[in-house]
């Protein structure tokens, strides 16, 4: 009886976890606005933290 119950629970878990696989592939990318550069700068430092 425990084996049958375990098998049924495994099947249910498998179907509920695989149901959302196609969501990420079908989602539309967000509308990204292009940002214009503010200017041109020259960095003379040996290291730069942004």
PDB file of N, CA and C in Angstrom:
ATOM      1  N   UNK A   1       0.822  -1.204   0.000  1.00  0.00           N
ATOM      2  CA  UNK A   1       0.000   0.000   0.000  1.00  0.00           C
ATOM      3  C   UNK A   1       0.861   1.261   0.000  1.00  0.00           C
ATOM      4  N   UNK A   2       1.961   1.230   0.774  1.00  0.00           N
ATOM      5  CA  UNK A   2       2.841   2.401   0.829  1.00  0.00           C
ATOM      6  C   UNK A   2       3.509   2.647  -0.518  1.00  0.00           C
ATOM      7  N   UNK A   3       3.858   1.582  -1.239  1.00  0.00           N
ATOM      8  CA  UNK A   3       4.497   1.737  -2.537  1.00  0.00           C
ATOM      9  C   UNK A   3       3.549   2.389  -3.542  1.00  0.00           C
ATOM     10  N   UNK A   4       2.294   2.007  -3.519  1.00  0.00           N
ATOM     11  CA  UNK A   4       1.300   2.577  -4.435  1.00  0.00           C
ATOM     12  C   UNK A   4       1.072   4.049  -4.116  1.00  0.00           C
ATOM     13  N   UNK A   5       0.965   4.372  -2.832  1.00  0.00           N
ATOM     14  CA  UNK A   5       0.774   5.758  -2.419  1.00  0.00           C
ATOM     15  C   UNK A   5       1.981   6.616  -2.808  1.00  0.00           C
ATOM     16  N   UNK A   6       3.178   6.074  -2.607  1.00  0.00           N
ATOM     17  CA  UNK A   6       4.392   6.790  -2.979  1.00  0.00           C
ATOM     18  C   UNK A   6       4.438   7.020  -4.490  1.00  0.00           C
ATOM     19  N   UNK A   7       4.055   6.008  -5.273  1.00  0.00           N
ATOM     20  CA  UNK A   7       4.050   6.117  -6.729  1.00  0.00           C
ATOM     21  C   UNK A   7       3.052   7.174  -7.196  1.00  0.00           C
ATOM     22  N   UNK A   8       1.877   7.197  -6.612  1.00  0.00           N
ATOM     23  CA  UNK A   8       0.859   8.191  -6.978  1.00  0.00           C
ATOM     24  C   UNK A   8       1.334   9.600  -6.631  1.00  0.00           C
ATOM     25  N   UNK A   9       1.923   9.763  -5.450  1.00  0.00           N
ATOM     26  CA  UNK A   9       2.437  11.078  -5.051  1.00  0.00           C
ATOM     27  C   UNK A   9       3.575  11.533  -5.968  1.00  0.00           C
ATOM     28  N   UNK A  10       4.429  10.602  -6.386  1.00  0.00           N
ATOM     29  CA  UNK A  10       5.521  10.934  -7.295  1.00  0.00           C
ATOM     30  C   UNK A  10       4.980  11.392  -8.649  1.00  0.00           C
ATOM     31  N   UNK A  11       3.957  10.748  -9.145  1.00  0.00           N
ATOM     32  CA  UNK A  11       3.341  11.131 -10.419  1.00  0.00           C
ATOM     33  C   UNK A  11       2.715  12.519 -10.303  1.00  0.00           C
ATOM     34  N   UNK A  12       2.007  12.777  -9.223  1.00  0.00           N
ATOM     35  CA  UNK A  12       1.370  14.087  -9.027  1.00  0.00           C
ATOM     36  C   UNK A  12       2.427  15.181  -8.939  1.00  0.00           C
ATOM     37  N   UNK A  13       3.483  14.932  -8.195  1.00  0.00           N
ATOM     38  CA  UNK A  13       4.561  15.907  -8.064  1.00  0.00           C
ATOM     39  C   UNK A  13       5.232  16.168  -9.402  1.00  0.00           C
ATOM     40  N   UNK A  14       5.414  15.132 -10.186  1.00  0.00           N
ATOM     41  CA  UNK A  14       6.057  15.279 -11.489  1.00  0.00           C
ATOM     42  C   UNK A  14       5.214  16.162 -12.410  1.00  0.00           C
ATOM     43  N   UNK A  15       3.929  15.948 -12.452  1.00  0.00           N
ATOM     44  CA  UNK A  15       3.074  16.742 -13.334  1.00  0.00           C
ATOM     45  C   UNK A  15       2.906  18.177 -12.860  1.00  0.00           C
ATOM     46  N   UNK A  16       2.905  18.416 -11.574  1.00  0.00           N
ATOM     47  CA  UNK A  16       2.752  19.789 -11.089  1.00  0.00           C
ATOM     48  C   UNK A  16       4.039  20.583 -11.245  1.00  0.00           C
ATOM     49  N   UNK A  17       5.193  19.950 -11.180  1.00  0.00           N
ATOM     50  CA  UNK A  17       6.453  20.689 -11.306  1.00  0.00           C
ATOM     51  C   UNK A  17       6.812  20.943 -12.757  1.00  0.00           C
ATOM     52  N   UNK A  18       6.389  20.108 -13.684  1.00  0.00           N
ATOM     53  CA  UNK A  18       6.719  20.300 -15.097  1.00  0.00           C
ATOM     54  C   UNK A  18       5.689  21.154 -15.825  1.00  0.00           C
ATOM     55  N   UNK A  19       4.682  21.604 -15.154  1.00  0.00           N
ATOM     56  CA  UNK A  19       3.628  22.360 -15.816  1.00  0.00           C
ATOM     57  C   UNK A  19       4.030  23.753 -16.243  1.00  0.00           C
ATOM     58  N   UNK A  20       5.030  24.358 -15.599  1.00  0.00           N
ATOM     59  CA  UNK A  20       5.411  25.737 -15.906  1.00  0.00           C
ATOM     60  C   UNK A  20       6.722  25.851 -16.657  1.00  0.00           C
ATOM     61  N   UNK A  21       7.184  24.820 -17.293  1.00  0.00           N
ATOM     62  CA  UNK A  21       8.471  24.873 -17.992  1.00  0.00           C
ATOM     63  C   UNK A  21       8.419  25.826 -19.176  1.00  0.00           C
ATOM     64  N   UNK A  22       7.355  25.851 -19.941  1.00  0.00           N
ATOM     65  CA  UNK A  22       7.271  26.684 -21.131  1.00  0.00           C
ATOM     66  C   UNK A  22       7.017  28.150 -20.852  1.00  0.00           C
ATOM     67  N   UNK A  23       6.797  28.518 -19.611  1.00  0.00           N
ATOM     68  CA  UNK A  23       6.454  29.903 -19.302  1.00  0.00           C
ATOM     69  C   UNK A  23       7.600  30.856 -19.602  1.00  0.00           C
ATOM     70  N   UNK A  24       8.810  30.514 -19.215  1.00  0.00           N
ATOM     71  CA  UNK A  24       9.952  31.415 -19.411  1.00  0.00           C
ATOM     72  C   UNK A  24      10.237  31.611 -20.896  1.00  0.00           C
ATOM     73  N   UNK A  25      10.072  30.587 -21.688  1.00  0.00           N
ATOM     74  CA  UNK A  25      10.352  30.698 -23.116  1.00  0.00           C
ATOM     75  C   UNK A  25       9.277  31.511 -23.834  1.00  0.00           C
ATOM     76  N   UNK A  26       8.062  31.517 -23.334  1.00  0.00           N
ATOM     77  CA  UNK A  26       6.991  32.217 -24.021  1.00  0.00           C
ATOM     78  C   UNK A  26       6.785  33.635 -23.505  1.00  0.00           C
ATOM     79  N   UNK A  27       7.464  34.006 -22.429  1.00  0.00           N
ATOM     80  CA  UNK A  27       7.293  35.343 -21.871  1.00  0.00           C
ATOM     81  C   UNK A  27       7.936  36.379 -22.790  1.00  0.00           C
ATOM     82  N   UNK A  28       7.266  37.500 -22.968  1.00  0.00           N
ATOM     83  CA  UNK A  28       7.801  38.560 -23.814  1.00  0.00           C
ATOM     84  C   UNK A  28       8.854  39.346 -23.045  1.00  0.00           C
ATOM     85  N   UNK A  29       9.930  39.749 -23.719  1.00  0.00           N
ATOM     86  CA  UNK A  29      10.939  40.548 -23.027  1.00  0.00           C
ATOM     87  C   UNK A  29      10.386  41.928 -22.687  1.00  0.00           C
ATOM     88  N   UNK A  30      10.870  42.540 -21.622  1.00  0.00           N
ATOM     89  CA  UNK A  30      10.364  43.862 -21.244  1.00  0.00           C
ATOM     90  C   UNK A  30      10.767  44.921 -22.261  1.00  0.00           C
ATOM     91  N   UNK A  31       9.982  45.967 -22.319  1.00  0.00           N
ATOM     92  CA  UNK A  31      10.272  47.069 -23.224  1.00  0.00           C
ATOM     93  C   UNK A  31      11.375  47.923 -22.602  1.00  0.00           C
ATOM     94  N   UNK A  32      12.583  47.814 -23.155  1.00  0.00           N
ATOM     95  CA  UNK A  32      13.738  48.508 -22.599  1.00  0.00           C
ATOM     96  C   UNK A  32      14.006  49.765 -23.412  1.00  0.00           C
ATOM     97  N   UNK A  33      14.070  50.895 -22.723  1.00  0.00           N
ATOM     98  CA  UNK A  33      14.370  52.149 -23.385  1.00  0.00           C
ATOM     99  C   UNK A  33      15.875  52.338 -23.468  1.00  0.00           C
ATOM    100  N   UNK A  34      16.349  52.844 -24.601  1.00  0.00           N
ATOM    101  CA  UNK A  34      17.772  53.104 -24.751  1.00  0.00           C
ATOM    102  C   UNK A  34      18.124  54.396 -24.032  1.00  0.00           C
ATOM    103  N   UNK A  35      19.251  54.365 -23.343  1.00  0.00           N
ATOM    104  CA  UNK A  35      19.708  55.531 -22.591  1.00  0.00           C
ATOM    105  C   UNK A  35      20.794  56.235 -23.393  1.00  0.00           C
ATOM    106  N   UNK A  36      20.651  57.541 -23.555  1.00  0.00           N
ATOM    107  CA  UNK A  36      21.659  58.319 -24.264  1.00  0.00           C
ATOM    108  C   UNK A  36      22.828  58.591 -23.325  1.00  0.00           C
ATOM    109  N   UNK A  37      24.052  58.482 -23.828  1.00  0.00           N
ATOM    110  CA  UNK A  37      25.207  58.772 -22.971  1.00  0.00           C
ATOM    111  C   UNK A  37      25.241  60.241 -22.563  1.00  0.00           C
ATOM    112  N   UNK A  38      25.701  60.501 -21.333  1.00  0.00           N
ATOM    113  CA  UNK A  38      25.765  61.869 -20.823  1.00  0.00           C
ATOM    114  C   UNK A  38      26.984  62.616 -21.336  1.00  0.00           C
ATOM    115  N   UNK A  39      27.995  61.922 -21.709  1.00  0.00           N
ATOM    116  CA  UNK A  39      29.204  62.567 -22.204  1.00  0.00           C
ATOM    117  C   UNK A  39      30.321  61.559 -22.363  1.00  0.00           C
ATOM    118  N   UNK A  40      31.491  62.061 -22.707  1.00  0.00           N
ATOM    119  CA  UNK A  40      32.653  61.206 -22.892  1.00  0.00           C
ATOM    120  C   UNK A  40      33.672  61.542 -21.815  1.00  0.00           C
ATOM    121  N   UNK A  41      34.195  60.508 -21.152  1.00  0.00           N
ATOM    122  CA  UNK A  41      35.130  60.712 -20.052  1.00  0.00           C
ATOM    123  C   UNK A  41      36.366  59.855 -20.267  1.00  0.00           C
ATOM    124  N   UNK A  42      37.492  60.307 -19.769  1.00  0.00           N
ATOM    125  CA  UNK A  42      38.738  59.563 -19.829  1.00  0.00           C
ATOM    126  C   UNK A  42      39.139  59.196 -18.390  1.00  0.00           C
ATOM    127  N   UNK A  43      39.400  57.901 -18.168  1.00  0.00           N
ATOM    128  CA  UNK A  43      39.779  57.427 -16.850  1.00  0.00           C
ATOM    129  C   UNK A  43      41.289  57.224 -16.834  1.00  0.00           C
ATOM    130  N   UNK A  44      41.949  57.853 -15.859  1.00  0.00           N
ATOM    131  CA  UNK A  44      43.401  57.704 -15.734  1.00  0.00           C
ATOM    132  C   UNK A  44      43.803  56.931 -14.487  1.00  0.00           C
ATOM    133  N   UNK A  45      42.868  56.423 -13.747  1.00  0.00           N
ATOM    134  CA  UNK A  45      43.145  55.675 -12.514  1.00  0.00           C
ATOM    135  C   UNK A  45      43.612  54.259 -12.863  1.00  0.00           C
ATOM    136  N   UNK A  46      44.306  53.615 -11.930  1.00  0.00           N
ATOM    137  CA  UNK A  46      44.750  52.237 -12.143  1.00  0.00           C
ATOM    138  C   UNK A  46      43.632  51.228 -11.894  1.00  0.00           C
ATOM    139  N   UNK A  47      42.633  51.627 -11.078  1.00  0.00           N
ATOM    140  CA  UNK A  47      41.479  50.756 -10.865  1.00  0.00           C
ATOM    141  C   UNK A  47      40.236  51.633 -10.790  1.00  0.00           C
ATOM    142  N   UNK A  48      39.114  51.062 -11.223  1.00  0.00           N
ATOM    143  CA  UNK A  48      37.871  51.828 -11.277  1.00  0.00           C
ATOM    144  C   UNK A  48      36.740  50.967 -10.719  1.00  0.00           C
ATOM    145  N   UNK A  49      36.048  51.472  -9.718  1.00  0.00           N
ATOM    146  CA  UNK A  49      34.903  50.777  -9.108  1.00  0.00           C
ATOM    147  C   UNK A  49      33.621  51.485  -9.526  1.00  0.00           C
ATOM    148  N   UNK A  50      32.754  50.750 -10.182  1.00  0.00           N
ATOM    149  CA  UNK A  50      31.493  51.347 -10.652  1.00  0.00           C
ATOM    150  C   UNK A  50      30.361  50.717  -9.884  1.00  0.00           C
TER     151      UNK A  50
END
